[in-house]
Amino acid sequence: MTTAVRDGATGVLPHLVDPAVLSRIGDLELIARGVVDGFISGLHRSPHLGLSTDFAEHRPYAPGDDIRRVDWRLMGRTDRYYVKEFEADTNAAVTVLMDVSRSMDYGSAGMTKLEYARMLAACVLYFSRRQRDRVGLALFDDKLVDVVPPSARHLSQVLYSLASARAGRPGSLGAPLRSYAAAHPRRAILIVISDLYEEPEEVMQALHALRGRGSEIVMWHVLDPAELDFPFQDAASFQDMEGEEVMPAVPSQLRERYRALLAEHTATLAHRIGAAGMDYQLFDTRRPLGEALHTYLATRERLADRRGAPRGRG
């Protein structure tokens, strides 16, 4: 299935973007490379490139160069056309901390939350490595399951660990995130991917533990469409995805109340995480991965603005 999706800032991305279709490819590196290449191609066609950059040097204009990179002030002084070259303002450490607890194994849209999170992590880490960041990974349920420390040489190991990840035990954020923070205190961009089946106060305590020595925290909340919409029709027994409790219910009698409680939960998380100077995004597993990368790039722009880092645009 090939489709063209128009993103407000990245133009038309003629690419495989349906997550359920991508999940059937199986090769995680192929998925990540394809999505990232299509995304970057879209950026180059966009009037807003979005890449956080520093000016490096001028070079003479050559046919085919993007005219948006022409330094018109220099042209006015020299009567010659020069193009501005930029060097990516990156070289950060970017680590994804991904929830592999039992509830992540749920899926109603042709894929599970874990499969979506796996592709999401692969794409953002592949993109980060293209930006010359050091990349790392931590998988957790109620404790750390696997850790790949951030390095310029660890992308293959990260992709292998993601491809091997399986959901199984019940999970929590607090203990594993505190363990990771204690073992990795250096400043980094830390992207936490989870379905957040915990109270907002517990989520905040876990995220604050990661702040360490000034780390930037990005929280990506992944939910399945059925968790968002509660579309069930027939009376049935519903099982707690993190435990053994089973509750009989008539969906039509609970739907509005359920949606209201979920909306309150996500709004509280968004407010509290944002108020703490961290980033929060809610992802429906139907959401194209190219859009997720654009969200990440916008986040990097905000982080750079908060740090006061010098940036340029092509």
Protein backbone atom coordinates (compact mmCIF):
# COMPACT_ATOMS: atom_id res chain seq x y z
CA MET A 1 0.00 0.00 0.00
CA THR A 2 1.61 3.24 -1.13
CA THR A 3 -0.09 6.51 -0.38
CA ALA A 4 0.65 10.19 -0.34
CA VAL A 5 0.04 11.99 2.90
CA ARG A 6 0.14 15.74 3.16
CA ASP A 7 1.74 17.01 6.34
CA GLY A 8 1.29 20.68 7.15
CA ALA A 9 5.01 21.30 7.47
CA THR A 10 6.64 18.55 5.44
CA GLY A 11 4.76 18.69 2.16
CA VAL A 12 3.66 15.53 0.35
CA LEU A 13 5.43 12.37 1.48
CA PRO A 14 4.78 9.65 -1.13
CA HIS A 15 5.63 6.79 1.16
CA LEU A 16 4.55 3.75 3.07
CA VAL A 17 3.06 5.51 6.06
CA ASP A 18 0.26 3.26 7.32
CA PRO A 19 1.69 1.75 10.54
CA ALA A 20 -0.36 -1.45 10.19
CA VAL A 21 1.08 -2.00 6.70
CA LEU A 22 4.60 -1.17 7.80
CA SER A 23 4.38 -3.62 10.71
CA ARG A 24 4.00 -6.48 8.22
CA ILE A 25 7.31 -5.72 6.49
CA GLY A 26 9.23 -7.21 9.39
CA ASP A 27 12.62 -5.59 8.70
CA LEU A 28 12.88 -2.81 11.27
CA GLU A 29 15.89 -1.15 9.68
CA LEU A 30 14.17 -1.12 6.29
CA ILE A 31 11.08 0.47 7.84
CA ALA A 32 13.12 3.11 9.67
CA ARG A 33 15.28 3.95 6.68
CA GLY A 34 12.29 4.22 4.35
CA VAL A 35 10.22 6.41 6.67
CA VAL A 36 13.16 8.67 7.55
CA ASP A 37 14.31 9.06 3.93
CA GLY A 38 10.76 9.97 2.90
CA PHE A 39 10.46 12.38 5.78
CA ILE A 40 13.75 14.13 4.99
CA SER A 41 12.77 14.32 1.33
CA GLY A 42 9.57 16.04 2.41
CA LEU A 43 11.52 18.50 4.54
CA HIS A 44 13.61 19.48 1.54
CA ARG A 45 10.44 20.31 -0.37
CA SER A 46 8.96 22.30 2.47
CA PRO A 47 9.19 26.09 2.88
CA HIS A 48 10.02 25.35 6.53
CA LEU A 49 12.90 22.89 6.62
CA GLY A 50 12.62 22.56 10.36
CA LEU A 51 16.14 21.22 10.88
CA SER A 52 17.99 22.80 13.78
CA THR A 53 21.25 24.04 12.24
CA ASP A 54 24.29 26.27 12.61
CA PHE A 55 25.81 28.30 9.78
CA ALA A 56 29.04 26.74 8.50
CA GLU A 57 30.21 28.55 5.34
CA HIS A 58 29.32 30.11 1.98
CA ARG A 59 29.89 28.52 -1.41
CA PRO A 60 29.14 29.76 -4.94
CA TYR A 61 25.63 29.10 -6.20
CA ALA A 62 25.33 26.21 -8.64
CA PRO A 63 22.37 25.33 -10.91
CA GLY A 64 19.91 23.20 -9.01
CA ASP A 65 20.66 24.69 -5.58
CA ASP A 66 17.69 25.64 -3.44
CA ILE A 67 17.23 29.40 -3.89
CA ARG A 68 16.08 29.64 -0.28
CA ARG A 69 19.70 29.06 0.70
CA VAL A 70 20.98 32.04 -1.30
CA ASP A 71 22.47 34.76 0.92
CA TRP A 72 20.76 37.78 -0.61
CA ARG A 73 22.59 40.29 1.61
CA LEU A 74 25.95 38.93 0.46
CA MET A 75 24.73 39.06 -3.14
CA GLY A 76 23.89 42.75 -2.64
CA ARG A 77 27.44 43.44 -1.47
CA THR A 78 29.33 41.33 -4.01
CA ASP A 79 26.90 41.10 -6.95
CA ARG A 80 27.48 37.34 -6.90
CA TYR A 81 25.28 34.49 -5.73
CA TYR A 82 26.42 32.47 -2.73
CA VAL A 83 24.63 29.66 -0.93
CA LYS A 84 24.68 29.26 2.84
CA GLU A 85 25.87 25.89 4.09
CA PHE A 86 24.71 24.71 7.49
CA GLU A 87 25.97 22.15 9.96
CA ALA A 88 23.42 20.28 12.06
CA ASP A 89 23.32 21.49 15.65
CA THR A 90 22.99 18.04 17.16
CA ASN A 91 25.61 15.65 18.53
CA ALA A 92 23.42 15.00 21.52
CA ALA A 93 22.77 11.70 23.25
CA VAL A 94 19.25 10.48 22.42
CA THR A 95 17.88 7.47 24.29
CA VAL A 96 14.45 5.88 23.97
CA LEU A 97 13.05 4.26 27.12
CA MET A 98 10.30 1.94 25.88
CA ASP A 99 7.60 0.20 27.89
CA VAL A 100 7.38 -3.53 27.13
CA SER A 101 4.88 -4.39 29.86
CA ARG A 102 1.91 -6.70 29.32
CA SER A 103 -0.57 -3.98 28.39
CA MET A 104 1.59 -2.92 25.41
CA ASP A 105 0.68 -6.23 23.74
CA TYR A 106 -2.87 -5.01 23.05
CA GLY A 107 -3.92 -4.04 19.53
CA SER A 108 -7.16 -3.62 17.58
CA ALA A 109 -5.92 -1.74 14.48
CA GLY A 110 -3.92 -4.47 12.78
CA MET A 111 -0.98 -4.08 15.17
CA THR A 112 -0.23 -3.86 18.87
CA LYS A 113 0.94 -0.84 20.82
CA LEU A 114 4.30 -2.57 21.21
CA GLU A 115 4.67 -2.98 17.45
CA TYR A 116 3.83 0.68 16.91
CA ALA A 117 6.18 1.81 19.71
CA ARG A 118 8.95 -0.37 18.24
CA MET A 119 8.63 1.29 14.81
CA LEU A 120 8.29 4.73 16.38
CA ALA A 121 11.49 4.20 18.39
CA ALA A 122 13.36 2.80 15.39
CA CYS A 123 12.42 5.76 13.20
CA VAL A 124 13.32 8.46 15.71
CA LEU A 125 16.63 6.81 16.59
CA TYR A 126 17.50 6.22 12.94
CA PHE A 127 16.69 9.86 12.23
CA SER A 128 18.74 10.99 15.26
CA ARG A 129 21.73 8.99 14.08
CA ARG A 130 21.39 10.63 10.65
CA GLN A 131 21.68 13.88 12.58
CA ARG A 132 24.92 12.54 14.12
CA ASP A 133 23.43 12.07 17.58
CA ARG A 134 24.56 9.23 19.79
CA VAL A 135 21.66 6.81 20.21
CA GLY A 136 20.67 4.40 22.97
CA LEU A 137 17.76 2.30 24.19
CA ALA A 138 16.26 0.99 27.42
CA LEU A 139 13.42 -1.54 27.54
CA PHE A 140 11.43 -1.91 30.76
CA ASP A 141 8.39 -3.47 32.39
CA ASP A 142 8.55 -3.42 36.20
CA LYS A 143 12.35 -3.31 35.91
CA LEU A 144 14.95 -2.67 33.22
CA VAL A 145 14.88 -5.53 30.71
CA ASP A 146 17.59 -4.43 28.27
CA VAL A 147 19.84 -1.37 28.06
CA VAL A 148 21.97 -0.22 25.13
CA PRO A 149 23.98 2.85 26.25
CA PRO A 150 24.05 5.82 23.85
CA SER A 151 26.86 5.68 21.32
CA ALA A 152 27.57 6.66 17.74
CA ARG A 153 28.18 2.97 17.02
CA HIS A 154 25.10 1.42 18.63
CA LEU A 155 22.35 1.90 16.04
CA SER A 156 22.51 -1.72 14.81
CA GLN A 157 22.42 -3.01 18.38
CA VAL A 158 19.49 -0.71 19.19
CA LEU A 159 17.51 -1.95 16.17
CA TYR A 160 18.25 -5.57 17.08
CA SER A 161 17.06 -5.05 20.66
CA LEU A 162 13.89 -3.34 19.43
CA ALA A 163 13.15 -6.15 16.99
CA SER A 164 13.64 -8.70 19.79
CA ALA A 165 11.44 -6.90 22.33
CA ARG A 166 8.47 -8.85 23.65
CA ALA A 167 5.73 -7.81 26.07
CA GLY A 168 5.06 -10.08 29.01
CA ARG A 169 5.03 -9.04 32.65
CA PRO A 170 3.04 -6.27 34.34
CA GLY A 171 4.93 -3.00 34.45
CA SER A 172 5.47 0.31 36.17
CA LEU A 173 7.44 3.47 35.46
CA GLY A 174 8.94 4.33 38.82
CA ALA A 175 11.46 1.61 39.62
CA PRO A 176 12.94 1.10 36.12
CA LEU A 177 13.21 4.81 35.36
CA ARG A 178 14.89 5.48 38.69
CA SER A 179 17.30 2.61 37.99
CA TYR A 180 18.13 4.03 34.58
CA ALA A 181 18.66 7.54 35.97
CA ALA A 182 21.02 6.25 38.67
CA ALA A 183 23.14 4.34 36.17
CA HIS A 184 23.11 7.02 33.43
CA PRO A 185 23.30 10.48 35.04
CA ARG A 186 24.73 12.32 32.04
CA ARG A 187 22.66 14.93 30.25
CA ALA A 188 20.67 13.58 27.30
CA ILE A 189 17.40 13.73 25.41
CA LEU A 190 15.31 10.93 26.90
CA ILE A 191 12.19 9.82 25.01
CA VAL A 192 9.84 7.68 27.12
CA ILE A 193 7.29 5.62 25.16
CA SER A 194 4.49 4.03 27.20
CA ASP A 195 0.73 3.58 27.41
CA LEU A 196 0.89 5.16 30.89
CA TYR A 197 -1.44 2.89 32.82
CA GLU A 198 -0.56 4.71 36.02
CA GLU A 199 -1.83 7.65 38.03
CA PRO A 200 -0.46 11.04 36.90
CA GLU A 201 1.34 11.54 40.22
CA GLU A 202 3.24 8.26 39.76
CA VAL A 203 4.09 9.21 36.18
CA MET A 204 5.45 12.59 37.32
CA GLN A 205 7.60 11.05 40.06
CA ALA A 206 9.10 8.64 37.53
CA LEU A 207 9.81 11.38 34.96
CA HIS A 208 11.33 13.70 37.55
CA ALA A 209 13.75 10.91 38.45
CA LEU A 210 15.05 11.08 34.87
CA ARG A 211 15.76 14.81 34.95
CA GLY A 212 19.18 14.08 36.40
CA ARG A 213 21.73 16.67 35.40
CA GLY A 214 19.49 18.65 33.10
CA SER A 215 18.25 15.92 30.76
CA GLU A 216 15.44 16.87 28.40
CA ILE A 217 12.40 14.60 28.82
CA VAL A 218 10.00 13.77 26.00
CA MET A 219 6.93 11.68 26.92
CA TRP A 220 5.15 9.84 24.11
CA HIS A 221 1.84 8.34 25.23
CA VAL A 222 0.80 5.49 22.91
CA LEU A 223 -2.80 4.26 22.88
CA ASP A 224 -4.80 1.93 20.66
CA PRO A 225 -7.91 3.29 18.86
CA ALA A 226 -10.16 1.01 20.93
CA GLU A 227 -8.68 2.48 24.11
CA LEU A 228 -9.42 5.96 22.83
CA ASP A 229 -12.91 5.37 21.46
CA PHE A 230 -14.23 2.36 23.41
CA PRO A 231 -16.23 1.15 20.36
CA PHE A 232 -17.36 -2.18 21.82
CA GLN A 233 -21.04 -3.05 21.40
CA ASP A 234 -21.82 -6.36 23.04
CA ALA A 235 -21.88 -7.08 26.76
CA ALA A 236 -18.65 -8.81 27.68
CA SER A 237 -16.08 -9.37 30.40
CA PHE A 238 -13.10 -7.01 30.25
CA GLN A 239 -9.75 -8.00 31.77
CA ASP A 240 -7.26 -5.63 33.35
CA MET A 241 -4.35 -5.55 30.89
CA GLU A 242 -1.78 -5.28 33.69
CA GLY A 243 -3.40 -7.75 36.09
CA GLU A 244 -5.87 -10.61 36.42
CA GLU A 245 -9.03 -8.71 37.40
CA VAL A 246 -12.04 -9.35 35.13
CA MET A 247 -15.07 -7.05 35.08
CA PRO A 248 -18.34 -7.75 33.24
CA ALA A 249 -19.71 -4.66 31.51
CA VAL A 250 -22.27 -3.35 29.04
CA PRO A 251 -20.23 -0.98 26.82
CA SER A 252 -23.13 1.29 25.85
CA GLN A 253 -23.70 2.11 29.52
CA LEU A 254 -20.04 2.93 30.16
CA ARG A 255 -18.86 4.52 26.92
CA GLU A 256 -19.41 8.20 27.70
CA ARG A 257 -18.10 7.88 31.24
CA TYR A 258 -15.05 5.98 30.00
CA ARG A 259 -14.26 8.59 27.36
CA ALA A 260 -14.63 11.40 29.88
CA LEU A 261 -12.27 9.69 32.34
CA LEU A 262 -9.71 9.04 29.61
CA ALA A 263 -9.91 12.63 28.40
CA GLU A 264 -9.40 13.83 31.97
CA HIS A 265 -6.43 11.48 32.40
CA THR A 266 -4.66 12.58 29.21
CA ALA A 267 -5.40 16.27 29.84
CA THR A 268 -3.95 16.00 33.35
CA LEU A 269 -0.82 14.29 32.02
CA ALA A 270 -0.38 16.88 29.27
CA HIS A 271 -0.79 19.77 31.73
CA ARG A 272 1.47 18.43 34.46
CA ILE A 273 4.22 17.23 32.13
CA GLY A 274 4.15 20.51 30.21
CA ALA A 275 4.15 22.58 33.41
CA ALA A 276 7.28 20.71 34.51
CA GLY A 277 9.11 21.80 31.37
CA MET A 278 8.86 18.43 29.64
CA ASP A 279 7.18 17.52 26.36
CA TYR A 280 4.05 15.35 26.07
CA GLN A 281 2.46 13.90 22.94
CA LEU A 282 -0.44 11.46 22.62
CA PHE A 283 -0.12 8.96 19.75
CA ASP A 284 -2.98 6.95 18.28
CA THR A 285 -1.43 3.81 16.75
CA ARG A 286 -3.12 4.70 13.45
CA ARG A 287 -1.04 7.88 13.23
CA PRO A 288 1.48 7.87 10.36
CA LEU A 289 5.09 7.58 11.47
CA GLY A 290 6.14 10.54 9.31
CA GLU A 291 3.87 12.73 11.42
CA ALA A 292 5.55 11.39 14.53
CA LEU A 293 8.95 12.40 13.16
CA HIS A 294 7.65 15.88 12.45
CA THR A 295 6.43 16.05 16.05
CA TYR A 296 9.89 15.04 17.24
CA LEU A 297 11.57 17.64 15.06
CA ALA A 298 9.27 20.33 16.45
CA THR A 299 10.18 19.13 19.93
CA ARG A 300 13.88 19.49 19.14
CA GLU A 301 13.21 23.05 17.99
CA ARG A 302 11.52 23.82 21.32
CA LEU A 303 14.36 22.26 23.28
CA ALA A 304 16.88 24.34 21.36
CA ASP A 305 14.83 27.49 22.02
CA ARG A 306 14.71 26.74 25.76
CA ARG A 307 18.49 26.24 25.83
CA GLY A 308 19.03 29.39 23.80
CA ALA A 309 21.07 27.42 21.27
CA PRO A 310 22.04 29.32 18.11
CA ARG A 311 20.11 28.08 15.12
CA GLY A 312 19.87 28.93 11.46
CA ARG A 313 17.56 27.99 8.65
CA GLY A 314 18.21 27.18 5.07
